[in-house]
Structures are given as C-alpha cells and as structure tokens.
Amino acid sequence: MQVYFSPEVITPHYQVLNVVDSEHKAVGNVAFLFDEKILYVYGILEEEGVGEDFRDLVTPYIKGLAKAKHGLDILTCLYVGCKKIELKDKENE
C-alpha cells in the first residue's frame, strides 16, 4: 500500500503533514519542527503494514529539508503501530 503526505499546516517553524493511503484515508501524521540547528521529526502511523512505505517516503523528505541548512542535526521519533522505526541511511542524514 502506497502512502503520501497531505499537508495540514506549514509554517516557517514547523510542518504538520497527514499520511494518507491511496484512497485518501488518513493512516497517521508526521510533524517537522525547525530549530536553529536541529530538525525534530515526530511521526506515528496506525497501520503496521505501511511501515516500509512510510520509511521510503519520509527519508528523502528529511534529506531535502536538511539541504536548507548545512550542519543541521536531525532527531527522529517515528512509530508504526506501537513499534519504533529507524530510518534507512540515518548516519548519512
């Protein structure tokens, strides 16, 4: 099942995005909070079956945001169901 971002709120200081499936059903959300030198990423998905798709969606999004500020530290807290997930290539972010 593919998942996509659907913007809820976007400001210069934070973004809140809904995570929706191909039928536009909300399956979770993710928030990006911007600090001077830190990007905080918090997200949770309700359905465990979309974990890999979520990882594939959020990883390049974070990398794109990180390009805006050189030397940005990225702190993530992401859950699918009740399980914490790690992003691919986290050491390269």
N, C-alpha and C. Protein backbone atom coordinates (compact mmCIF):
# COMPACT_ATOMS: atom_id res chain seq x y z
N MET A 1 0.85 -1.18 0.00
CA MET A 1 0.00 0.00 0.00
C MET A 1 0.90 1.24 0.00
N GLN A 2 0.71 2.11 -0.93
CA GLN A 2 1.47 3.36 -1.00
C GLN A 2 0.88 4.38 -0.04
N VAL A 3 1.75 5.20 0.54
CA VAL A 3 1.30 6.30 1.39
C VAL A 3 1.89 7.59 0.86
N TYR A 4 1.20 8.69 1.15
CA TYR A 4 1.57 10.01 0.65
C TYR A 4 1.40 11.03 1.76
N PHE A 5 2.08 12.18 1.60
CA PHE A 5 1.87 13.29 2.52
C PHE A 5 0.73 14.16 2.02
N SER A 6 -0.07 14.63 2.95
CA SER A 6 -1.12 15.60 2.68
C SER A 6 -0.94 16.72 3.71
N PRO A 7 -0.51 17.91 3.28
CA PRO A 7 -0.23 18.99 4.23
C PRO A 7 -1.44 19.37 5.07
N GLU A 8 -1.20 19.53 6.36
CA GLU A 8 -2.21 20.02 7.28
C GLU A 8 -1.89 21.48 7.63
N VAL A 9 -0.65 21.73 8.09
CA VAL A 9 -0.20 23.08 8.43
C VAL A 9 1.27 23.19 8.06
N ILE A 10 1.63 24.26 7.36
CA ILE A 10 3.03 24.51 7.03
C ILE A 10 3.35 25.96 7.36
N THR A 11 4.34 26.15 8.25
CA THR A 11 4.81 27.49 8.61
C THR A 11 6.34 27.47 8.51
N PRO A 12 7.00 28.62 8.65
CA PRO A 12 8.47 28.61 8.63
C PRO A 12 9.09 27.86 9.81
N HIS A 13 8.31 27.61 10.88
CA HIS A 13 8.85 26.99 12.08
C HIS A 13 8.48 25.52 12.24
N TYR A 14 7.43 25.09 11.57
CA TYR A 14 7.03 23.68 11.67
C TYR A 14 6.12 23.30 10.51
N GLN A 15 6.04 21.99 10.29
CA GLN A 15 5.11 21.43 9.32
C GLN A 15 4.39 20.26 9.98
N VAL A 16 3.11 20.16 9.76
CA VAL A 16 2.33 19.01 10.19
C VAL A 16 1.70 18.43 8.93
N LEU A 17 2.05 17.18 8.66
CA LEU A 17 1.57 16.52 7.45
C LEU A 17 0.78 15.28 7.83
N ASN A 18 -0.36 15.09 7.21
CA ASN A 18 -1.10 13.84 7.35
C ASN A 18 -0.44 12.82 6.43
N VAL A 19 -0.45 11.59 6.83
CA VAL A 19 -0.01 10.49 5.98
C VAL A 19 -1.27 9.77 5.54
N VAL A 20 -1.49 9.71 4.23
CA VAL A 20 -2.71 9.12 3.70
C VAL A 20 -2.37 7.98 2.75
N ASP A 21 -3.31 7.06 2.62
CA ASP A 21 -3.11 5.96 1.68
C ASP A 21 -3.67 6.34 0.31
N SER A 22 -3.62 5.41 -0.62
CA SER A 22 -4.05 5.71 -2.00
C SER A 22 -5.54 6.02 -2.10
N GLU A 23 -6.31 5.69 -1.06
CA GLU A 23 -7.75 6.01 -1.04
C GLU A 23 -8.03 7.28 -0.25
N HIS A 24 -6.97 8.05 0.05
CA HIS A 24 -7.05 9.32 0.79
C HIS A 24 -7.53 9.14 2.23
N LYS A 25 -7.34 7.94 2.77
CA LYS A 25 -7.67 7.67 4.17
C LYS A 25 -6.44 7.99 5.01
N ALA A 26 -6.64 8.78 6.07
CA ALA A 26 -5.53 9.12 6.96
C ALA A 26 -5.08 7.87 7.72
N VAL A 27 -3.78 7.59 7.66
CA VAL A 27 -3.22 6.45 8.37
C VAL A 27 -2.22 6.89 9.43
N GLY A 28 -1.99 8.21 9.55
CA GLY A 28 -1.07 8.73 10.55
C GLY A 28 -0.73 10.17 10.27
N ASN A 29 0.30 10.66 10.97
CA ASN A 29 0.76 12.03 10.74
C ASN A 29 2.23 12.14 11.12
N VAL A 30 2.84 13.20 10.66
CA VAL A 30 4.24 13.47 10.96
C VAL A 30 4.40 14.98 11.13
N ALA A 31 5.24 15.36 12.09
CA ALA A 31 5.50 16.78 12.35
C ALA A 31 6.99 17.04 12.24
N PHE A 32 7.34 18.14 11.61
CA PHE A 32 8.72 18.58 11.46
C PHE A 32 8.83 19.93 12.17
N LEU A 33 9.66 19.99 13.20
CA LEU A 33 9.85 21.21 13.98
C LEU A 33 11.26 21.72 13.74
N PHE A 34 11.37 23.00 13.34
CA PHE A 34 12.65 23.59 12.99
C PHE A 34 13.19 24.45 14.12
N ASP A 35 14.43 24.19 14.51
CA ASP A 35 15.15 24.98 15.48
C ASP A 35 16.37 25.55 14.76
N GLU A 36 17.15 26.35 15.43
CA GLU A 36 18.33 26.95 14.79
C GLU A 36 19.24 25.91 14.14
N LYS A 37 19.56 24.85 14.87
CA LYS A 37 20.50 23.85 14.37
C LYS A 37 19.96 22.42 14.46
N ILE A 38 18.68 22.28 14.77
CA ILE A 38 18.09 20.95 14.95
C ILE A 38 16.77 20.86 14.19
N LEU A 39 16.57 19.73 13.54
CA LEU A 39 15.28 19.40 12.94
C LEU A 39 14.71 18.23 13.74
N TYR A 40 13.58 18.46 14.38
CA TYR A 40 12.90 17.42 15.14
C TYR A 40 11.83 16.81 14.24
N VAL A 41 11.79 15.48 14.18
CA VAL A 41 10.80 14.79 13.37
C VAL A 41 10.05 13.81 14.27
N TYR A 42 8.74 14.01 14.38
CA TYR A 42 7.89 13.14 15.18
C TYR A 42 6.78 12.59 14.27
N GLY A 43 6.60 11.29 14.29
CA GLY A 43 5.55 10.73 13.45
C GLY A 43 5.02 9.43 14.00
N ILE A 44 3.77 9.15 13.68
CA ILE A 44 3.15 7.89 14.07
C ILE A 44 2.16 7.47 13.00
N LEU A 45 2.21 6.20 12.68
CA LEU A 45 1.25 5.60 11.77
C LEU A 45 0.47 4.55 12.53
N GLU A 46 -0.80 4.44 12.23
CA GLU A 46 -1.66 3.49 12.93
C GLU A 46 -1.49 2.07 12.41
N GLU A 47 -1.26 1.93 11.10
CA GLU A 47 -1.24 0.61 10.48
C GLU A 47 0.19 0.12 10.28
N GLU A 48 0.49 -1.06 10.81
CA GLU A 48 1.84 -1.60 10.70
C GLU A 48 2.21 -1.97 9.28
N GLY A 49 1.28 -2.29 8.43
CA GLY A 49 1.55 -2.74 7.08
C GLY A 49 2.15 -1.70 6.15
N VAL A 50 2.22 -0.44 6.58
CA VAL A 50 2.76 0.61 5.71
C VAL A 50 4.10 1.14 6.20
N GLY A 51 4.74 0.42 7.11
CA GLY A 51 6.00 0.87 7.69
C GLY A 51 7.09 1.12 6.68
N GLU A 52 7.31 0.20 5.77
CA GLU A 52 8.37 0.35 4.78
C GLU A 52 8.06 1.49 3.81
N ASP A 53 6.80 1.62 3.41
CA ASP A 53 6.41 2.73 2.54
C ASP A 53 6.61 4.07 3.24
N PHE A 54 6.27 4.12 4.53
CA PHE A 54 6.47 5.35 5.30
C PHE A 54 7.94 5.71 5.37
N ARG A 55 8.78 4.72 5.64
CA ARG A 55 10.22 4.93 5.69
C ARG A 55 10.73 5.47 4.35
N ASP A 56 10.26 4.87 3.25
CA ASP A 56 10.67 5.31 1.91
C ASP A 56 10.17 6.71 1.57
N LEU A 57 9.08 7.13 2.17
CA LEU A 57 8.51 8.45 1.94
C LEU A 57 9.21 9.52 2.77
N VAL A 58 9.42 9.26 4.03
CA VAL A 58 9.94 10.28 4.94
C VAL A 58 11.45 10.49 4.80
N THR A 59 12.21 9.45 4.46
CA THR A 59 13.66 9.58 4.38
C THR A 59 14.11 10.64 3.37
N PRO A 60 13.67 10.60 2.10
CA PRO A 60 14.10 11.65 1.17
C PRO A 60 13.53 13.02 1.50
N TYR A 61 12.37 13.06 2.15
CA TYR A 61 11.78 14.34 2.55
C TYR A 61 12.68 15.02 3.57
N ILE A 62 13.15 14.24 4.56
CA ILE A 62 14.04 14.79 5.58
C ILE A 62 15.36 15.23 4.95
N LYS A 63 15.88 14.43 4.05
CA LYS A 63 17.14 14.80 3.38
C LYS A 63 16.98 16.10 2.60
N GLY A 64 15.84 16.29 1.99
CA GLY A 64 15.57 17.54 1.27
C GLY A 64 15.51 18.73 2.21
N LEU A 65 14.84 18.57 3.34
CA LEU A 65 14.77 19.65 4.32
C LEU A 65 16.15 19.97 4.89
N ALA A 66 16.98 18.96 5.07
CA ALA A 66 18.32 19.16 5.63
C ALA A 66 19.22 19.95 4.70
N LYS A 67 18.94 19.94 3.41
CA LYS A 67 19.74 20.71 2.45
C LYS A 67 19.58 22.21 2.65
N ALA A 68 18.52 22.62 3.29
CA ALA A 68 18.25 24.04 3.50
C ALA A 68 19.23 24.66 4.50
N LYS A 69 19.76 23.85 5.42
CA LYS A 69 20.70 24.35 6.43
C LYS A 69 21.84 23.36 6.57
N HIS A 70 23.04 23.82 6.29
CA HIS A 70 24.21 22.96 6.42
C HIS A 70 24.52 22.70 7.90
N GLY A 71 24.85 21.46 8.24
CA GLY A 71 25.21 21.12 9.62
C GLY A 71 24.02 20.92 10.53
N LEU A 72 22.85 20.75 9.99
CA LEU A 72 21.63 20.57 10.77
C LEU A 72 21.62 19.19 11.43
N ASP A 73 21.39 19.14 12.74
CA ASP A 73 21.21 17.87 13.43
C ASP A 73 19.76 17.44 13.26
N ILE A 74 19.56 16.16 13.03
CA ILE A 74 18.21 15.63 12.81
C ILE A 74 17.91 14.62 13.89
N LEU A 75 16.86 14.88 14.65
CA LEU A 75 16.41 13.98 15.71
C LEU A 75 15.05 13.43 15.32
N THR A 76 14.92 12.10 15.29
CA THR A 76 13.67 11.49 14.86
C THR A 76 13.07 10.62 15.94
N CYS A 77 11.77 10.59 15.96
CA CYS A 77 10.99 9.70 16.82
C CYS A 77 9.79 9.26 15.99
N LEU A 78 9.91 8.09 15.37
CA LEU A 78 8.89 7.62 14.43
C LEU A 78 8.38 6.25 14.86
N TYR A 79 7.07 6.10 14.83
CA TYR A 79 6.44 4.85 15.22
C TYR A 79 5.47 4.39 14.15
N VAL A 80 5.45 3.08 13.95
CA VAL A 80 4.45 2.44 13.11
C VAL A 80 3.77 1.42 14.01
N GLY A 81 2.47 1.58 14.21
CA GLY A 81 1.80 0.77 15.22
C GLY A 81 2.38 1.18 16.56
N CYS A 82 2.85 0.23 17.33
CA CYS A 82 3.48 0.53 18.62
C CYS A 82 4.99 0.29 18.57
N LYS A 83 5.54 0.17 17.36
CA LYS A 83 6.96 -0.14 17.21
C LYS A 83 7.72 1.06 16.68
N LYS A 84 8.81 1.39 17.36
CA LYS A 84 9.66 2.47 16.90
C LYS A 84 10.43 2.00 15.67
N ILE A 85 10.56 2.88 14.67
CA ILE A 85 11.31 2.52 13.48
C ILE A 85 12.51 3.44 13.32
N GLU A 86 13.53 2.92 12.67
CA GLU A 86 14.72 3.70 12.33
C GLU A 86 14.69 3.95 10.84
N LEU A 87 15.21 5.09 10.42
CA LEU A 87 15.25 5.42 9.01
C LEU A 87 16.47 4.78 8.36
N LYS A 88 16.34 4.47 7.09
CA LYS A 88 17.47 3.99 6.31
C LYS A 88 18.50 5.10 6.17
N ASP A 89 19.76 4.72 6.14
CA ASP A 89 20.86 5.67 5.94
C ASP A 89 20.85 6.79 6.97
N LYS A 90 20.40 6.50 8.18
CA LYS A 90 20.31 7.54 9.20
C LYS A 90 21.66 8.23 9.43
N GLU A 91 22.76 7.46 9.33
CA GLU A 91 24.07 8.05 9.56
C GLU A 91 24.45 9.04 8.45
N ASN A 92 23.77 8.99 7.32
CA ASN A 92 24.08 9.91 6.21
C ASN A 92 23.23 11.16 6.22
N GLU A 93 22.31 11.28 7.16
CA GLU A 93 21.41 12.45 7.16
C GLU A 93 22.14 13.64 7.64
